[in-house]
């Protein structure tokens, strides 16, 4: 759910968006409310919540991927399966995109499994500490919904 872009907002609306009990007590200074309003410090008004939504939380099965398994062939080094899980989300169809963080190493590729939630990293040559992240977008738009923790991929060592 996304909060309305205008009109009345209630504490119940904010709690619902945050996945909390509708009658749960809180203050404007609570971290959850500040994150939803995208206000890190200082005062703010209720209008800071208009059109906002809680970011998707993404969990990955491992943040350090390391293997020396040589399978032979064109892409001889292959990681174990890395799985991801959306911990928060509503009724949208996500698009998953694994991307290298920082300068791209063309020797490392991502092969998706199933619906792109899960991935195997492969490389033509041994590589150390290549950082990847999973970016989740709303389908048919470019709206970024959430990002995974950084994964460090080492293959062939």
C-alpha atoms as a PDB file:
ATOM      1  CA  UNK A   1       0.000   0.000   0.000  1.00  0.00           C
ATOM      2  CA  UNK A   2       1.205   3.551  -0.608  1.00  0.00           C
ATOM      3  CA  UNK A   3      -0.048   6.347   1.623  1.00  0.00           C
ATOM      4  CA  UNK A   4      -2.387   8.824  -0.100  1.00  0.00           C
ATOM      5  CA  UNK A   5      -0.825  11.809  -1.876  1.00  0.00           C
ATOM      6  CA  UNK A   6      -3.188  14.265  -0.166  1.00  0.00           C
ATOM      7  CA  UNK A   7      -6.052  14.471   2.297  1.00  0.00           C
ATOM      8  CA  UNK A   8      -6.367  13.219   5.832  1.00  0.00           C
ATOM      9  CA  UNK A   9      -3.792  10.831   7.296  1.00  0.00           C
ATOM     10  CA  UNK A  10      -4.305   9.069  10.591  1.00  0.00           C
ATOM     11  CA  UNK A  11      -1.956   7.272  12.971  1.00  0.00           C
ATOM     12  CA  UNK A  12      -3.870   4.142  11.949  1.00  0.00           C
ATOM     13  CA  UNK A  13      -2.844   4.705   8.281  1.00  0.00           C
ATOM     14  CA  UNK A  14       0.808   5.121   9.262  1.00  0.00           C
ATOM     15  CA  UNK A  15       0.787   2.042  11.494  1.00  0.00           C
ATOM     16  CA  UNK A  16      -0.840  -0.007   8.729  1.00  0.00           C
ATOM     17  CA  UNK A  17       1.812   1.063   6.203  1.00  0.00           C
ATOM     18  CA  UNK A  18       4.533   0.110   8.683  1.00  0.00           C
ATOM     19  CA  UNK A  19       2.995  -3.323   9.311  1.00  0.00           C
ATOM     20  CA  UNK A  20       2.277  -2.489  12.941  1.00  0.00           C
ATOM     21  CA  UNK A  21      -0.907  -2.925  14.945  1.00  0.00           C
ATOM     22  CA  UNK A  22      -3.391  -0.251  13.902  1.00  0.00           C
ATOM     23  CA  UNK A  23      -3.771   1.017  17.491  1.00  0.00           C
ATOM     24  CA  UNK A  24      -0.061   0.815  18.396  1.00  0.00           C
ATOM     25  CA  UNK A  25       1.313   3.875  20.170  1.00  0.00           C
ATOM     26  CA  UNK A  26       4.275   5.774  18.776  1.00  0.00           C
ATOM     27  CA  UNK A  27       5.769   9.201  18.400  1.00  0.00           C
ATOM     28  CA  UNK A  28       6.896  11.235  15.414  1.00  0.00           C
ATOM     29  CA  UNK A  29      10.457  10.776  16.675  1.00  0.00           C
ATOM     30  CA  UNK A  30      10.315   6.956  16.339  1.00  0.00           C
ATOM     31  CA  UNK A  31      12.850   5.642  13.819  1.00  0.00           C
ATOM     32  CA  UNK A  32      10.150   3.757  11.861  1.00  0.00           C
ATOM     33  CA  UNK A  33       8.116   6.951  11.337  1.00  0.00           C
ATOM     34  CA  UNK A  34      11.215   8.981  10.409  1.00  0.00           C
ATOM     35  CA  UNK A  35      12.252   6.340   7.858  1.00  0.00           C
ATOM     36  CA  UNK A  36       8.758   6.266   6.349  1.00  0.00           C
ATOM     37  CA  UNK A  37       8.699  10.079   6.089  1.00  0.00           C
ATOM     38  CA  UNK A  38      12.315  10.045   4.828  1.00  0.00           C
ATOM     39  CA  UNK A  39      13.311  12.608   7.456  1.00  0.00           C
ATOM     40  CA  UNK A  40      16.505  11.748   9.331  1.00  0.00           C
ATOM     41  CA  UNK A  41      16.611  14.622  11.815  1.00  0.00           C
ATOM     42  CA  UNK A  42      14.739  17.712  12.944  1.00  0.00           C
ATOM     43  CA  UNK A  43      11.072  18.524  12.898  1.00  0.00           C
ATOM     44  CA  UNK A  44       8.610  17.584  10.180  1.00  0.00           C
ATOM     45  CA  UNK A  45       4.893  17.723   9.493  1.00  0.00           C
ATOM     46  CA  UNK A  46       2.307  15.131   8.560  1.00  0.00           C
ATOM     47  CA  UNK A  47       2.663  16.194   4.907  1.00  0.00           C
ATOM     48  CA  UNK A  48       6.062  14.417   4.880  1.00  0.00           C
ATOM     49  CA  UNK A  49       4.131  11.116   4.775  1.00  0.00           C
ATOM     50  CA  UNK A  50       2.093  11.909   1.639  1.00  0.00           C
ATOM     51  CA  UNK A  51       2.685   9.359  -1.122  1.00  0.00           C
ATOM     52  CA  UNK A  52       5.245   7.406   0.920  1.00  0.00           C
ATOM     53  CA  UNK A  53       5.541   3.671   1.358  1.00  0.00           C
ATOM     54  CA  UNK A  54       7.748   1.495   3.471  1.00  0.00           C
ATOM     55  CA  UNK A  55      10.719   0.177   1.471  1.00  0.00           C
ATOM     56  CA  UNK A  56      10.832  -3.549   0.814  1.00  0.00           C
ATOM     57  CA  UNK A  57      13.182  -5.428   3.097  1.00  0.00           C
ATOM     58  CA  UNK A  58      15.292  -8.004   1.239  1.00  0.00           C
ATOM     59  CA  UNK A  59      17.114 -10.890   2.897  1.00  0.00           C
ATOM     60  CA  UNK A  60      19.755 -13.001   1.144  1.00  0.00           C
ATOM     61  CA  UNK A  61      20.874 -16.470   2.205  1.00  0.00           C
ATOM     62  CA  UNK A  62      24.525 -15.427   2.342  1.00  0.00           C
ATOM     63  CA  UNK A  63      26.505 -12.222   2.035  1.00  0.00           C
ATOM     64  CA  UNK A  64      29.877 -13.924   1.507  1.00  0.00           C
ATOM     65  CA  UNK A  65      29.971 -16.349  -1.430  1.00  0.00           C
ATOM     66  CA  UNK A  66      33.201 -18.295  -1.797  1.00  0.00           C
ATOM     67  CA  UNK A  67      33.957 -21.397  -3.848  1.00  0.00           C
ATOM     68  CA  UNK A  68      36.928 -22.980  -5.547  1.00  0.00           C
ATOM     69  CA  UNK A  69      34.810 -25.530  -7.438  1.00  0.00           C
ATOM     70  CA  UNK A  70      35.978 -25.764 -11.059  1.00  0.00           C
ATOM     71  CA  UNK A  71      33.251 -27.185 -13.311  1.00  0.00           C
ATOM     72  CA  UNK A  72      35.263 -26.854 -16.535  1.00  0.00           C
ATOM     73  CA  UNK A  73      33.815 -25.326 -19.694  1.00  0.00           C
ATOM     74  CA  UNK A  74      33.498 -21.682 -20.677  1.00  0.00           C
ATOM     75  CA  UNK A  75      32.481 -20.466 -17.196  1.00  0.00           C
ATOM     76  CA  UNK A  76      34.484 -22.868 -14.982  1.00  0.00           C
ATOM     77  CA  UNK A  77      33.946 -21.275 -11.556  1.00  0.00           C
ATOM     78  CA  UNK A  78      30.450 -21.430 -10.170  1.00  0.00           C
ATOM     79  CA  UNK A  79      29.045 -20.302  -6.819  1.00  0.00           C
ATOM     80  CA  UNK A  80      26.537 -22.136  -4.712  1.00  0.00           C
ATOM     81  CA  UNK A  81      22.951 -20.950  -5.063  1.00  0.00           C
ATOM     82  CA  UNK A  82      22.239 -17.582  -3.400  1.00  0.00           C
ATOM     83  CA  UNK A  83      18.583 -17.206  -2.478  1.00  0.00           C
ATOM     84  CA  UNK A  84      16.681 -14.040  -1.678  1.00  0.00           C
ATOM     85  CA  UNK A  85      13.464 -13.398   0.166  1.00  0.00           C
ATOM     86  CA  UNK A  86      11.274 -10.318   0.391  1.00  0.00           C
ATOM     87  CA  UNK A  87      10.424  -9.793   4.047  1.00  0.00           C
ATOM     88  CA  UNK A  88       7.919  -7.050   3.369  1.00  0.00           C
ATOM     89  CA  UNK A  89       5.849  -6.382   0.327  1.00  0.00           C
ATOM     90  CA  UNK A  90       2.305  -6.074  -0.889  1.00  0.00           C
ATOM     91  CA  UNK A  91       0.453  -7.264  -3.952  1.00  0.00           C
ATOM     92  CA  UNK A  92       2.861  -6.203  -6.678  1.00  0.00           C
ATOM     93  CA  UNK A  93       4.880  -8.321  -9.091  1.00  0.00           C
ATOM     94  CA  UNK A  94       8.558  -7.544  -8.556  1.00  0.00           C
ATOM     95  CA  UNK A  95      11.373  -7.508 -11.091  1.00  0.00           C
ATOM     96  CA  UNK A  96      14.706  -8.734  -9.693  1.00  0.00           C
ATOM     97  CA  UNK A  97      18.013  -7.387 -11.037  1.00  0.00           C
ATOM     98  CA  UNK A  98      21.365  -8.546  -9.665  1.00  0.00           C
ATOM     99  CA  UNK A  99      24.004  -5.887 -10.334  1.00  0.00           C
ATOM    100  CA  UNK A 100      27.694  -5.495  -9.623  1.00  0.00           C
ATOM    101  CA  UNK A 101      28.451  -2.651  -7.250  1.00  0.00           C
ATOM    102  CA  UNK A 102      31.271  -0.375  -8.377  1.00  0.00           C
ATOM    103  CA  UNK A 103      33.423  -1.014 -11.463  1.00  0.00           C
ATOM    104  CA  UNK A 104      32.027  -3.937 -13.439  1.00  0.00           C
ATOM    105  CA  UNK A 105      34.103  -7.081 -13.856  1.00  0.00           C
ATOM    106  CA  UNK A 106      32.982  -8.578 -17.217  1.00  0.00           C
ATOM    107  CA  UNK A 107      34.426 -11.977 -16.294  1.00  0.00           C
ATOM    108  CA  UNK A 108      31.682 -12.489 -13.686  1.00  0.00           C
ATOM    109  CA  UNK A 109      28.113 -13.303 -14.726  1.00  0.00           C
ATOM    110  CA  UNK A 110      24.884 -13.959 -12.865  1.00  0.00           C
ATOM    111  CA  UNK A 111      22.698 -16.865 -13.910  1.00  0.00           C
ATOM    112  CA  UNK A 112      19.182 -16.606 -12.564  1.00  0.00           C
ATOM    113  CA  UNK A 113      17.193 -19.454 -11.175  1.00  0.00           C
ATOM    114  CA  UNK A 114      13.406 -19.683 -11.287  1.00  0.00           C
ATOM    115  CA  UNK A 115      11.954 -16.149 -11.321  1.00  0.00           C
ATOM    116  CA  UNK A 116      15.270 -14.334 -10.748  1.00  0.00           C
ATOM    117  CA  UNK A 117      14.969 -14.399  -6.951  1.00  0.00           C
ATOM    118  CA  UNK A 118      17.830 -16.852  -6.767  1.00  0.00           C
ATOM    119  CA  UNK A 119      21.164 -16.657  -8.544  1.00  0.00           C
ATOM    120  CA  UNK A 120      24.384 -18.531  -9.262  1.00  0.00           C
ATOM    121  CA  UNK A 121      27.493 -16.457  -9.915  1.00  0.00           C
ATOM    122  CA  UNK A 122      29.992 -17.738 -12.487  1.00  0.00           C
ATOM    123  CA  UNK A 123      33.347 -16.553 -13.744  1.00  0.00           C
ATOM    124  CA  UNK A 124      35.782 -17.329 -16.542  1.00  0.00           C
ATOM    125  CA  UNK A 125      38.780 -16.577 -14.325  1.00  0.00           C
ATOM    126  CA  UNK A 126      39.334 -16.627 -10.563  1.00  0.00           C
ATOM    127  CA  UNK A 127      37.970 -13.454  -8.928  1.00  0.00           C
ATOM    128  CA  UNK A 128      38.070 -12.064  -5.393  1.00  0.00           C
ATOM    129  CA  UNK A 129      35.518  -9.991  -3.531  1.00  0.00           C
ATOM    130  CA  UNK A 130      33.320  -8.875  -6.431  1.00  0.00           C
ATOM    131  CA  UNK A 131      30.397  -7.003  -4.833  1.00  0.00           C
ATOM    132  CA  UNK A 132      26.810  -7.607  -5.991  1.00  0.00           C
ATOM    133  CA  UNK A 133      23.415  -6.383  -4.847  1.00  0.00           C
ATOM    134  CA  UNK A 134      19.888  -7.419  -5.701  1.00  0.00           C
ATOM    135  CA  UNK A 135      17.674  -4.503  -6.772  1.00  0.00           C
ATOM    136  CA  UNK A 136      13.901  -5.013  -6.755  1.00  0.00           C
ATOM    137  CA  UNK A 137      11.671  -2.904  -8.988  1.00  0.00           C
ATOM    138  CA  UNK A 138       7.936  -2.676  -9.433  1.00  0.00           C
ATOM    139  CA  UNK A 139       6.992  -4.445 -12.672  1.00  0.00           C
ATOM    140  CA  UNK A 140       6.433  -2.268 -15.763  1.00  0.00           C
ATOM    141  CA  UNK A 141       7.943   0.778 -14.016  1.00  0.00           C
ATOM    142  CA  UNK A 142      11.363   1.920 -12.952  1.00  0.00           C
ATOM    143  CA  UNK A 143      10.275   2.443  -9.338  1.00  0.00           C
ATOM    144  CA  UNK A 144      12.909   0.983  -7.025  1.00  0.00           C
ATOM    145  CA  UNK A 145      11.192  -0.950  -4.231  1.00  0.00           C
ATOM    146  CA  UNK A 146      14.164  -2.333  -2.279  1.00  0.00           C
ATOM    147  CA  UNK A 147      17.824  -3.366  -2.283  1.00  0.00           C
ATOM    148  CA  UNK A 148      19.560  -6.350  -0.689  1.00  0.00           C
ATOM    149  CA  UNK A 149      22.679  -6.195   1.440  1.00  0.00           C
ATOM    150  CA  UNK A 150      25.944  -6.284  -0.554  1.00  0.00           C
ATOM    151  CA  UNK A 151      27.145  -9.795  -1.413  1.00  0.00           C
ATOM    152  CA  UNK A 152      30.889 -10.438  -1.769  1.00  0.00           C
ATOM    153  CA  UNK A 153      31.617 -13.059  -4.455  1.00  0.00           C
ATOM    154  CA  UNK A 154      34.975 -14.896  -4.581  1.00  0.00           C
ATOM    155  CA  UNK A 155      35.351 -17.693  -7.149  1.00  0.00           C
ATOM    156  CA  UNK A 156      38.323 -19.920  -7.941  1.00  0.00           C
ATOM    157  CA  UNK A 157      40.416 -19.246  -4.830  1.00  0.00           C
END
